[in-house]
C-alpha cells in the first residue's frame, strides 16, 4: 500500500516538481548588535537570487 501512494505522488504533478527544484531554503546567521547573540533568518529563495539574499545586511 505504501508503494502505491509513493508512486502516485511522483507521477501526480511533474511540472510543479521540476519547478520546485529551482528554489532553495537559505539560512543566514545574523548577529544581534545589542546582545551579540546570533539569530537565524530563513527564506525560500529562487536559486538565482541566493547570493543577493546572503549579501544583504
PDB file of N, CA and C in Angstrom:
ATOM      1  N   UNK A   1       0.822  -1.188   0.000  1.00  0.00           N
ATOM      2  CA  UNK A   1       0.000   0.000   0.000  1.00  0.00           C
ATOM      3  C   UNK A   1       0.870   1.257   0.000  1.00  0.00           C
ATOM      4  N   UNK A   2       1.962   1.254   0.699  1.00  0.00           N
ATOM      5  CA  UNK A   2       2.834   2.424   0.736  1.00  0.00           C
ATOM      6  C   UNK A   2       3.464   2.685  -0.623  1.00  0.00           C
ATOM      7  N   UNK A   3       3.751   1.618  -1.363  1.00  0.00           N
ATOM      8  CA  UNK A   3       4.344   1.795  -2.678  1.00  0.00           C
ATOM      9  C   UNK A   3       3.391   2.511  -3.615  1.00  0.00           C
ATOM     10  N   UNK A   4       2.120   2.202  -3.554  1.00  0.00           N
ATOM     11  CA  UNK A   4       1.140   2.836  -4.429  1.00  0.00           C
ATOM     12  C   UNK A   4       1.045   4.328  -4.135  1.00  0.00           C
ATOM     13  N   UNK A   5       1.060   4.703  -2.879  1.00  0.00           N
ATOM     14  CA  UNK A   5       0.986   6.114  -2.508  1.00  0.00           C
ATOM     15  C   UNK A   5       2.244   6.853  -2.947  1.00  0.00           C
ATOM     16  N   UNK A   6       3.380   6.206  -2.817  1.00  0.00           N
ATOM     17  CA  UNK A   6       4.647   6.831  -3.179  1.00  0.00           C
ATOM     18  C   UNK A   6       4.710   7.097  -4.682  1.00  0.00           C
ATOM     19  N   UNK A   7       4.269   6.148  -5.504  1.00  0.00           N
ATOM     20  CA  UNK A   7       4.314   6.342  -6.953  1.00  0.00           C
ATOM     21  C   UNK A   7       3.263   7.343  -7.406  1.00  0.00           C
ATOM     22  N   UNK A   8       2.157   7.430  -6.693  1.00  0.00           N
ATOM     23  CA  UNK A   8       1.124   8.400  -7.045  1.00  0.00           C
ATOM     24  C   UNK A   8       1.625   9.826  -6.852  1.00  0.00           C
ATOM     25  N   UNK A   9       2.425  10.035  -5.828  1.00  0.00           N
ATOM     26  CA  UNK A   9       2.974  11.365  -5.573  1.00  0.00           C
ATOM     27  C   UNK A   9       3.963  11.744  -6.665  1.00  0.00           C
ATOM     28  N   UNK A  10       4.783  10.809  -7.089  1.00  0.00           N
ATOM     29  CA  UNK A  10       5.785  11.095  -8.109  1.00  0.00           C
ATOM     30  C   UNK A  10       5.167  11.438  -9.452  1.00  0.00           C
ATOM     31  N   UNK A  11       4.118  10.771  -9.828  1.00  0.00           N
ATOM     32  CA  UNK A  11       3.540  10.963 -11.153  1.00  0.00           C
ATOM     33  C   UNK A  11       2.405  11.978 -11.175  1.00  0.00           C
ATOM     34  N   UNK A  12       2.017  12.496 -10.043  1.00  0.00           N
ATOM     35  CA  UNK A  12       0.849  13.365  -9.977  1.00  0.00           C
ATOM     36  C   UNK A  12       1.057  14.695 -10.701  1.00  0.00           C
ATOM     37  N   UNK A  13       2.125  15.400 -10.390  1.00  0.00           N
ATOM     38  CA  UNK A  13       2.322  16.712 -10.986  1.00  0.00           C
ATOM     39  C   UNK A  13       3.803  16.918 -11.310  1.00  0.00           C
ATOM     40  N   UNK A  14       4.242  16.470 -12.456  1.00  0.00           N
ATOM     41  CA  UNK A  14       5.646  16.539 -12.849  1.00  0.00           C
ATOM     42  C   UNK A  14       6.121  17.968 -13.058  1.00  0.00           C
ATOM     43  N   UNK A  15       5.268  18.824 -13.609  1.00  0.00           N
ATOM     44  CA  UNK A  15       5.678  20.202 -13.910  1.00  0.00           C
ATOM     45  C   UNK A  15       6.018  20.980 -12.646  1.00  0.00           C
ATOM     46  N   UNK A  16       5.171  20.898 -11.646  1.00  0.00           N
ATOM     47  CA  UNK A  16       5.453  21.636 -10.409  1.00  0.00           C
ATOM     48  C   UNK A  16       6.636  21.034  -9.664  1.00  0.00           C
ATOM     49  N   UNK A  17       6.867  19.740  -9.810  1.00  0.00           N
ATOM     50  CA  UNK A  17       8.021  19.112  -9.172  1.00  0.00           C
ATOM     51  C   UNK A  17       9.315  19.618  -9.797  1.00  0.00           C
ATOM     52  N   UNK A  18       9.345  19.833 -11.095  1.00  0.00           N
ATOM     53  CA  UNK A  18      10.543  20.341 -11.750  1.00  0.00           C
ATOM     54  C   UNK A  18      10.771  21.804 -11.415  1.00  0.00           C
ATOM     55  N   UNK A  19       9.705  22.583 -11.278  1.00  0.00           N
ATOM     56  CA  UNK A  19       9.843  23.989 -10.904  1.00  0.00           C
ATOM     57  C   UNK A  19      10.325  24.131  -9.463  1.00  0.00           C
ATOM     58  N   UNK A  20       9.983  23.193  -8.613  1.00  0.00           N
ATOM     59  CA  UNK A  20      10.381  23.246  -7.208  1.00  0.00           C
ATOM     60  C   UNK A  20      11.887  23.085  -7.052  1.00  0.00           C
ATOM     61  N   UNK A  21      12.530  22.460  -8.010  1.00  0.00           N
ATOM     62  CA  UNK A  21      13.974  22.267  -7.934  1.00  0.00           C
ATOM     63  C   UNK A  21      14.733  23.575  -8.114  1.00  0.00           C
ATOM     64  N   UNK A  22      14.074  24.617  -8.578  1.00  0.00           N
ATOM     65  CA  UNK A  22      14.711  25.917  -8.776  1.00  0.00           C
ATOM     66  C   UNK A  22      14.721  26.766  -7.509  1.00  0.00           C
ATOM     67  N   UNK A  23      14.153  26.293  -6.437  1.00  0.00           N
ATOM     68  CA  UNK A  23      14.060  27.033  -5.184  1.00  0.00           C
ATOM     69  C   UNK A  23      14.907  26.364  -4.119  1.00  0.00           C
ATOM     70  N   UNK A  24      15.488  27.166  -3.232  1.00  0.00           N
ATOM     71  CA  UNK A  24      16.325  26.650  -2.155  1.00  0.00           C
ATOM     72  C   UNK A  24      15.955  27.330  -0.840  1.00  0.00           C
ATOM     73  N   UNK A  25      16.099  26.594   0.244  1.00  0.00           N
ATOM     74  CA  UNK A  25      15.919  27.172   1.565  1.00  0.00           C
ATOM     75  C   UNK A  25      17.281  27.678   2.018  1.00  0.00           C
ATOM     76  N   UNK A  26      17.351  28.963   2.344  1.00  0.00           N
ATOM     77  CA  UNK A  26      18.611  29.585   2.737  1.00  0.00           C
ATOM     78  C   UNK A  26      18.494  30.014   4.189  1.00  0.00           C
ATOM     79  N   UNK A  27      19.508  29.684   4.973  1.00  0.00           N
ATOM     80  CA  UNK A  27      19.554  30.049   6.393  1.00  0.00           C
ATOM     81  C   UNK A  27      20.786  30.915   6.602  1.00  0.00           C
ATOM     82  N   UNK A  28      20.573  32.098   7.182  1.00  0.00           N
ATOM     83  CA  UNK A  28      21.652  33.059   7.376  1.00  0.00           C
ATOM     84  C   UNK A  28      21.763  33.393   8.858  1.00  0.00           C
ATOM     85  N   UNK A  29      22.970  33.342   9.397  1.00  0.00           N
ATOM     86  CA  UNK A  29      23.201  33.705  10.793  1.00  0.00           C
ATOM     87  C   UNK A  29      23.432  35.211  10.868  1.00  0.00           C
ATOM     88  N   UNK A  30      22.689  35.873  11.742  1.00  0.00           N
ATOM     89  CA  UNK A  30      22.780  37.323  11.908  1.00  0.00           C
ATOM     90  C   UNK A  30      23.086  37.610  13.374  1.00  0.00           C
ATOM     91  N   UNK A  31      24.095  38.423  13.607  1.00  0.00           N
ATOM     92  CA  UNK A  31      24.482  38.754  14.975  1.00  0.00           C
ATOM     93  C   UNK A  31      23.713  39.978  15.465  1.00  0.00           C
ATOM     94  N   UNK A  32      23.157  39.889  16.653  1.00  0.00           N
ATOM     95  CA  UNK A  32      22.418  40.986  17.251  1.00  0.00           C
ATOM     96  C   UNK A  32      23.390  42.047  17.745  1.00  0.00           C
ATOM     97  N   UNK A  33      23.173  43.326  17.389  1.00  0.00           N
ATOM     98  CA  UNK A  33      24.080  44.372  17.855  1.00  0.00           C
ATOM     99  C   UNK A  33      23.966  44.639  19.362  1.00  0.00           C
ATOM    100  N   UNK A  34      22.815  44.380  19.954  1.00  0.00           N
ATOM    101  CA  UNK A  34      22.617  44.644  21.378  1.00  0.00           C
ATOM    102  C   UNK A  34      23.267  43.588  22.255  1.00  0.00           C
ATOM    103  N   UNK A  35      22.970  42.325  21.996  1.00  0.00           N
ATOM    104  CA  UNK A  35      23.417  41.265  22.889  1.00  0.00           C
ATOM    105  C   UNK A  35      24.608  40.480  22.352  1.00  0.00           C
ATOM    106  N   UNK A  36      24.834  40.528  21.065  1.00  0.00           N
ATOM    107  CA  UNK A  36      25.917  39.760  20.473  1.00  0.00           C
ATOM    108  C   UNK A  36      25.529  38.320  20.168  1.00  0.00           C
ATOM    109  N   UNK A  37      24.304  37.955  20.477  1.00  0.00           N
ATOM    110  CA  UNK A  37      23.834  36.595  20.211  1.00  0.00           C
ATOM    111  C   UNK A  37      23.461  36.462  18.731  1.00  0.00           C
ATOM    112  N   UNK A  38      23.564  35.263  18.239  1.00  0.00           N
ATOM    113  CA  UNK A  38      23.211  35.007  16.843  1.00  0.00           C
ATOM    114  C   UNK A  38      21.754  34.596  16.727  1.00  0.00           C
ATOM    115  N   UNK A  39      21.098  35.107  15.705  1.00  0.00           N
ATOM    116  CA  UNK A  39      19.767  34.667  15.326  1.00  0.00           C
ATOM    117  C   UNK A  39      19.851  34.194  13.882  1.00  0.00           C
ATOM    118  N   UNK A  40      18.854  33.495  13.447  1.00  0.00           N
ATOM    119  CA  UNK A  40      18.878  32.934  12.110  1.00  0.00           C
ATOM    120  C   UNK A  40      17.696  33.433  11.306  1.00  0.00           C
ATOM    121  N   UNK A  41      17.978  33.865  10.070  1.00  0.00           N
ATOM    122  CA  UNK A  41      16.937  34.258   9.132  1.00  0.00           C
ATOM    123  C   UNK A  41      16.813  33.149   8.109  1.00  0.00           C
ATOM    124  N   UNK A  42      15.595  32.693   7.903  1.00  0.00           N
ATOM    125  CA  UNK A  42      15.338  31.642   6.932  1.00  0.00           C
ATOM    126  C   UNK A  42      14.463  32.201   5.827  1.00  0.00           C
ATOM    127  N   UNK A  43      14.740  31.774   4.605  1.00  0.00           N
ATOM    128  CA  UNK A  43      13.916  32.182   3.478  1.00  0.00           C
ATOM    129  C   UNK A  43      14.002  31.134   2.384  1.00  0.00           C
ATOM    130  N   UNK A  44      12.941  31.011   1.634  1.00  0.00           N
ATOM    131  CA  UNK A  44      12.946  30.155   0.458  1.00  0.00           C
ATOM    132  C   UNK A  44      13.108  31.086  -0.733  1.00  0.00           C
ATOM    133  N   UNK A  45      14.234  30.935  -1.430  1.00  0.00           N
ATOM    134  CA  UNK A  45      14.659  31.883  -2.451  1.00  0.00           C
ATOM    135  C   UNK A  45      14.915  31.138  -3.756  1.00  0.00           C
ATOM    136  N   UNK A  46      14.653  31.811  -4.862  1.00  0.00           N
ATOM    137  CA  UNK A  46      14.976  31.224  -6.167  1.00  0.00           C
ATOM    138  C   UNK A  46      16.487  31.055  -6.267  1.00  0.00           C
ATOM    139  N   UNK A  47      16.926  30.013  -6.938  1.00  0.00           N
ATOM    140  CA  UNK A  47      18.358  29.684  -6.948  1.00  0.00           C
ATOM    141  C   UNK A  47      19.223  30.777  -7.566  1.00  0.00           C
ATOM    142  N   UNK A  48      18.654  31.635  -8.393  1.00  0.00           N
ATOM    143  CA  UNK A  48      19.419  32.727  -8.985  1.00  0.00           C
ATOM    144  C   UNK A  48      19.640  33.887  -8.015  1.00  0.00           C
ATOM    145  N   UNK A  49      18.863  33.962  -6.939  1.00  0.00           N
ATOM    146  CA  UNK A  49      18.933  35.099  -6.019  1.00  0.00           C
ATOM    147  C   UNK A  49      19.510  34.741  -4.649  1.00  0.00           C
ATOM    148  N   UNK A  50      20.171  33.599  -4.542  1.00  0.00           N
ATOM    149  CA  UNK A  50      20.738  33.167  -3.266  1.00  0.00           C
ATOM    150  C   UNK A  50      21.846  34.119  -2.828  1.00  0.00           C
ATOM    151  N   UNK A  51      22.731  34.477  -3.732  1.00  0.00           N
ATOM    152  CA  UNK A  51      23.853  35.381  -3.388  1.00  0.00           C
ATOM    153  C   UNK A  51      23.333  36.747  -2.955  1.00  0.00           C
ATOM    154  N   UNK A  52      22.258  37.232  -3.576  1.00  0.00           N
ATOM    155  CA  UNK A  52      21.676  38.526  -3.173  1.00  0.00           C
ATOM    156  C   UNK A  52      21.148  38.450  -1.746  1.00  0.00           C
ATOM    157  N   UNK A  53      20.507  37.362  -1.401  1.00  0.00           N
ATOM    158  CA  UNK A  53      19.972  37.202  -0.049  1.00  0.00           C
ATOM    159  C   UNK A  53      21.100  37.164   0.988  1.00  0.00           C
ATOM    160  N   UNK A  54      22.160  36.435   0.687  1.00  0.00           N
ATOM    161  CA  UNK A  54      23.256  36.323   1.640  1.00  0.00           C
ATOM    162  C   UNK A  54      24.069  37.604   1.769  1.00  0.00           C
ATOM    163  N   UNK A  55      24.067  38.449   0.737  1.00  0.00           N
ATOM    164  CA  UNK A  55      24.842  39.683   0.810  1.00  0.00           C
ATOM    165  C   UNK A  55      24.078  40.822   1.495  1.00  0.00           C
ATOM    166  N   UNK A  56      22.792  40.656   1.732  1.00  0.00           N
ATOM    167  CA  UNK A  56      22.002  41.682   2.419  1.00  0.00           C
ATOM    168  C   UNK A  56      22.418  41.771   3.882  1.00  0.00           C
ATOM    169  N   UNK A  57      22.331  42.971   4.452  1.00  0.00           N
ATOM    170  CA  UNK A  57      22.626  43.159   5.869  1.00  0.00           C
ATOM    171  C   UNK A  57      21.381  43.069   6.682  1.00  0.00           C
TER     172      UNK A  57
END
